[in-house]
Amino acid sequence: MLTLNLLGYHCPVPVHETRKVLENLSQGDIILVIADDIETKHDIPLLVERIGAKLLSVDEIAGEFRYIIEK
C-alpha cells in the first residue's frame, strides 16, 4: 500500500496531490492518505466519488485524518 503523507498542507494541496497519485495508480491499487486539514473530511470523499474510486475507510487519530482509497 502506497502512503501519501500530506500533514501540514492545506486546501487545495491535499486534494490535488491525492488526485495526481490516484491518476497514476492501476485499477485495484490501494493508497493511504494522511492529512491534518479539516477540509479533507469533505473534499477527499468528493474526489473519490468523482473519479470513480472507492473510499474503504476514514479514521481520525489525534487530529490526523487517514483515508484508505482503492482505485
N, C-alpha and C. Protein backbone atom coordinates (compact mmCIF):
# COMPACT_ATOMS: atom_id res chain seq x y z
N MET A 1 0.85 -1.17 0.00
CA MET A 1 0.00 0.00 0.00
C MET A 1 0.89 1.24 0.00
N LEU A 2 0.61 2.14 -0.90
CA LEU A 2 1.32 3.40 -1.01
C LEU A 2 0.79 4.36 0.05
N THR A 3 1.67 5.12 0.71
CA THR A 3 1.25 6.12 1.69
C THR A 3 1.58 7.51 1.16
N LEU A 4 0.60 8.39 1.23
CA LEU A 4 0.77 9.78 0.82
C LEU A 4 0.60 10.63 2.08
N ASN A 5 1.72 11.18 2.57
CA ASN A 5 1.71 11.98 3.79
C ASN A 5 1.55 13.45 3.42
N LEU A 6 0.38 14.01 3.77
CA LEU A 6 0.08 15.39 3.44
C LEU A 6 -0.10 16.24 4.70
N LEU A 7 0.52 15.82 5.78
CA LEU A 7 0.45 16.57 7.03
C LEU A 7 1.08 17.95 6.85
N GLY A 8 0.38 18.97 7.33
CA GLY A 8 0.90 20.33 7.24
C GLY A 8 0.47 21.07 5.99
N TYR A 9 -0.15 20.38 5.05
CA TYR A 9 -0.61 21.02 3.82
C TYR A 9 -2.10 21.37 3.93
N HIS A 10 -2.46 22.48 3.35
CA HIS A 10 -3.85 22.93 3.42
C HIS A 10 -4.45 23.01 2.02
N CYS A 11 -5.76 23.07 1.98
CA CYS A 11 -6.54 23.13 0.74
C CYS A 11 -5.95 24.19 -0.20
N PRO A 12 -5.77 23.84 -1.46
CA PRO A 12 -6.23 22.65 -2.18
C PRO A 12 -5.17 21.57 -2.34
N VAL A 13 -4.02 21.70 -1.68
CA VAL A 13 -2.90 20.78 -1.90
C VAL A 13 -3.27 19.31 -1.64
N PRO A 14 -3.90 18.95 -0.50
CA PRO A 14 -4.17 17.52 -0.27
C PRO A 14 -5.02 16.87 -1.37
N VAL A 15 -6.04 17.58 -1.84
CA VAL A 15 -6.90 17.01 -2.88
C VAL A 15 -6.14 16.92 -4.20
N HIS A 16 -5.39 17.97 -4.53
CA HIS A 16 -4.62 17.98 -5.78
C HIS A 16 -3.59 16.84 -5.81
N GLU A 17 -2.86 16.68 -4.72
CA GLU A 17 -1.83 15.63 -4.66
C GLU A 17 -2.45 14.24 -4.66
N THR A 18 -3.57 14.08 -3.97
CA THR A 18 -4.26 12.79 -3.96
C THR A 18 -4.74 12.44 -5.36
N ARG A 19 -5.31 13.41 -6.06
CA ARG A 19 -5.78 13.18 -7.43
C ARG A 19 -4.62 12.76 -8.33
N LYS A 20 -3.48 13.46 -8.23
CA LYS A 20 -2.32 13.13 -9.07
C LYS A 20 -1.86 11.69 -8.86
N VAL A 21 -1.80 11.27 -7.60
CA VAL A 21 -1.34 9.91 -7.30
C VAL A 21 -2.36 8.90 -7.80
N LEU A 22 -3.65 9.13 -7.54
CA LEU A 22 -4.68 8.19 -7.98
C LEU A 22 -4.70 8.03 -9.50
N GLU A 23 -4.45 9.10 -10.22
CA GLU A 23 -4.45 9.01 -11.69
C GLU A 23 -3.36 8.09 -12.20
N ASN A 24 -2.27 7.94 -11.43
CA ASN A 24 -1.15 7.12 -11.86
C ASN A 24 -1.18 5.69 -11.31
N LEU A 25 -2.19 5.37 -10.52
CA LEU A 25 -2.31 4.02 -9.98
C LEU A 25 -3.07 3.12 -10.95
N SER A 26 -2.88 1.82 -10.78
CA SER A 26 -3.63 0.84 -11.56
C SER A 26 -4.92 0.52 -10.84
N GLN A 27 -5.91 0.04 -11.60
CA GLN A 27 -7.18 -0.38 -11.02
C GLN A 27 -6.91 -1.42 -9.93
N GLY A 28 -7.51 -1.23 -8.75
CA GLY A 28 -7.34 -2.15 -7.64
C GLY A 28 -6.24 -1.78 -6.67
N ASP A 29 -5.36 -0.84 -7.06
CA ASP A 29 -4.31 -0.38 -6.15
C ASP A 29 -4.94 0.37 -4.99
N ILE A 30 -4.26 0.34 -3.84
CA ILE A 30 -4.76 0.98 -2.63
C ILE A 30 -3.74 2.00 -2.14
N ILE A 31 -4.25 3.14 -1.66
CA ILE A 31 -3.40 4.20 -1.15
C ILE A 31 -3.92 4.64 0.22
N LEU A 32 -2.99 4.96 1.11
CA LEU A 32 -3.31 5.56 2.40
C LEU A 32 -2.93 7.03 2.33
N VAL A 33 -3.91 7.90 2.54
CA VAL A 33 -3.67 9.34 2.54
C VAL A 33 -3.79 9.82 3.97
N ILE A 34 -2.75 10.52 4.45
CA ILE A 34 -2.74 11.07 5.80
C ILE A 34 -2.71 12.59 5.69
N ALA A 35 -3.68 13.25 6.32
CA ALA A 35 -3.77 14.71 6.24
C ALA A 35 -4.26 15.25 7.58
N ASP A 36 -3.98 16.53 7.82
CA ASP A 36 -4.49 17.16 9.04
C ASP A 36 -5.34 18.39 8.73
N ASP A 37 -5.63 18.62 7.47
CA ASP A 37 -6.52 19.72 7.07
C ASP A 37 -7.96 19.24 7.21
N ILE A 38 -8.74 19.90 8.05
CA ILE A 38 -10.12 19.50 8.32
C ILE A 38 -10.97 19.48 7.05
N GLU A 39 -10.62 20.30 6.08
CA GLU A 39 -11.38 20.36 4.82
C GLU A 39 -11.33 19.04 4.06
N THR A 40 -10.31 18.23 4.31
CA THR A 40 -10.21 16.95 3.60
C THR A 40 -11.36 16.02 3.96
N LYS A 41 -11.97 16.21 5.14
CA LYS A 41 -13.10 15.36 5.52
C LYS A 41 -14.26 15.50 4.53
N HIS A 42 -14.35 16.62 3.90
CA HIS A 42 -15.38 16.88 2.89
C HIS A 42 -14.83 16.63 1.49
N ASP A 43 -13.60 17.12 1.24
CA ASP A 43 -13.05 17.13 -0.11
C ASP A 43 -12.58 15.77 -0.62
N ILE A 44 -11.95 14.97 0.22
CA ILE A 44 -11.43 13.67 -0.24
C ILE A 44 -12.58 12.73 -0.65
N PRO A 45 -13.64 12.58 0.17
CA PRO A 45 -14.74 11.72 -0.30
C PRO A 45 -15.36 12.20 -1.61
N LEU A 46 -15.47 13.51 -1.81
CA LEU A 46 -16.00 14.03 -3.08
C LEU A 46 -15.08 13.68 -4.24
N LEU A 47 -13.78 13.83 -4.04
CA LEU A 47 -12.81 13.49 -5.08
C LEU A 47 -12.92 12.01 -5.44
N VAL A 48 -12.95 11.16 -4.44
CA VAL A 48 -13.01 9.71 -4.66
C VAL A 48 -14.26 9.35 -5.47
N GLU A 49 -15.38 9.94 -5.10
CA GLU A 49 -16.63 9.67 -5.83
C GLU A 49 -16.54 10.17 -7.27
N ARG A 50 -15.99 11.36 -7.44
CA ARG A 50 -15.93 11.98 -8.76
C ARG A 50 -15.07 11.19 -9.74
N ILE A 51 -13.96 10.60 -9.23
CA ILE A 51 -13.08 9.87 -10.14
C ILE A 51 -13.39 8.38 -10.21
N GLY A 52 -14.41 7.93 -9.47
CA GLY A 52 -14.83 6.54 -9.56
C GLY A 52 -13.99 5.58 -8.75
N ALA A 53 -13.28 6.10 -7.75
CA ALA A 53 -12.52 5.23 -6.84
C ALA A 53 -13.43 4.82 -5.68
N LYS A 54 -12.86 4.11 -4.71
CA LYS A 54 -13.66 3.62 -3.60
C LYS A 54 -12.97 3.99 -2.28
N LEU A 55 -13.69 4.70 -1.42
CA LEU A 55 -13.18 5.07 -0.11
C LEU A 55 -13.44 3.90 0.83
N LEU A 56 -12.38 3.19 1.21
CA LEU A 56 -12.53 1.99 2.03
C LEU A 56 -12.71 2.31 3.51
N SER A 57 -12.00 3.36 3.98
CA SER A 57 -12.16 3.75 5.38
C SER A 57 -11.65 5.16 5.60
N VAL A 58 -12.19 5.77 6.66
CA VAL A 58 -11.75 7.09 7.12
C VAL A 58 -11.62 7.01 8.63
N ASP A 59 -10.46 7.37 9.13
CA ASP A 59 -10.23 7.37 10.57
C ASP A 59 -9.63 8.70 10.97
N GLU A 60 -9.99 9.18 12.16
CA GLU A 60 -9.37 10.37 12.71
C GLU A 60 -8.63 9.97 13.97
N ILE A 61 -7.33 10.25 13.99
CA ILE A 61 -6.49 9.90 15.12
C ILE A 61 -5.69 11.14 15.51
N ALA A 62 -5.99 11.70 16.66
CA ALA A 62 -5.25 12.85 17.20
C ALA A 62 -5.16 14.00 16.19
N GLY A 63 -6.27 14.30 15.54
CA GLY A 63 -6.28 15.42 14.60
C GLY A 63 -5.76 15.09 13.21
N GLU A 64 -5.39 13.84 12.99
CA GLU A 64 -4.95 13.41 11.67
C GLU A 64 -6.04 12.54 11.06
N PHE A 65 -6.29 12.78 9.79
CA PHE A 65 -7.30 12.02 9.06
C PHE A 65 -6.59 11.03 8.16
N ARG A 66 -7.03 9.78 8.21
CA ARG A 66 -6.42 8.71 7.41
C ARG A 66 -7.48 8.12 6.50
N TYR A 67 -7.22 8.23 5.21
CA TYR A 67 -8.15 7.75 4.19
C TYR A 67 -7.51 6.58 3.47
N ILE A 68 -8.21 5.47 3.42
CA ILE A 68 -7.74 4.34 2.62
C ILE A 68 -8.64 4.29 1.39
N ILE A 69 -7.99 4.43 0.24
CA ILE A 69 -8.70 4.56 -1.03
C ILE A 69 -8.25 3.48 -2.00
N GLU A 70 -9.21 2.85 -2.66
CA GLU A 70 -8.91 1.87 -3.71
C GLU A 70 -9.29 2.48 -5.04
N LYS A 71 -8.36 2.41 -5.98
CA LYS A 71 -8.66 2.94 -7.32
C LYS A 71 -9.52 1.97 -8.07
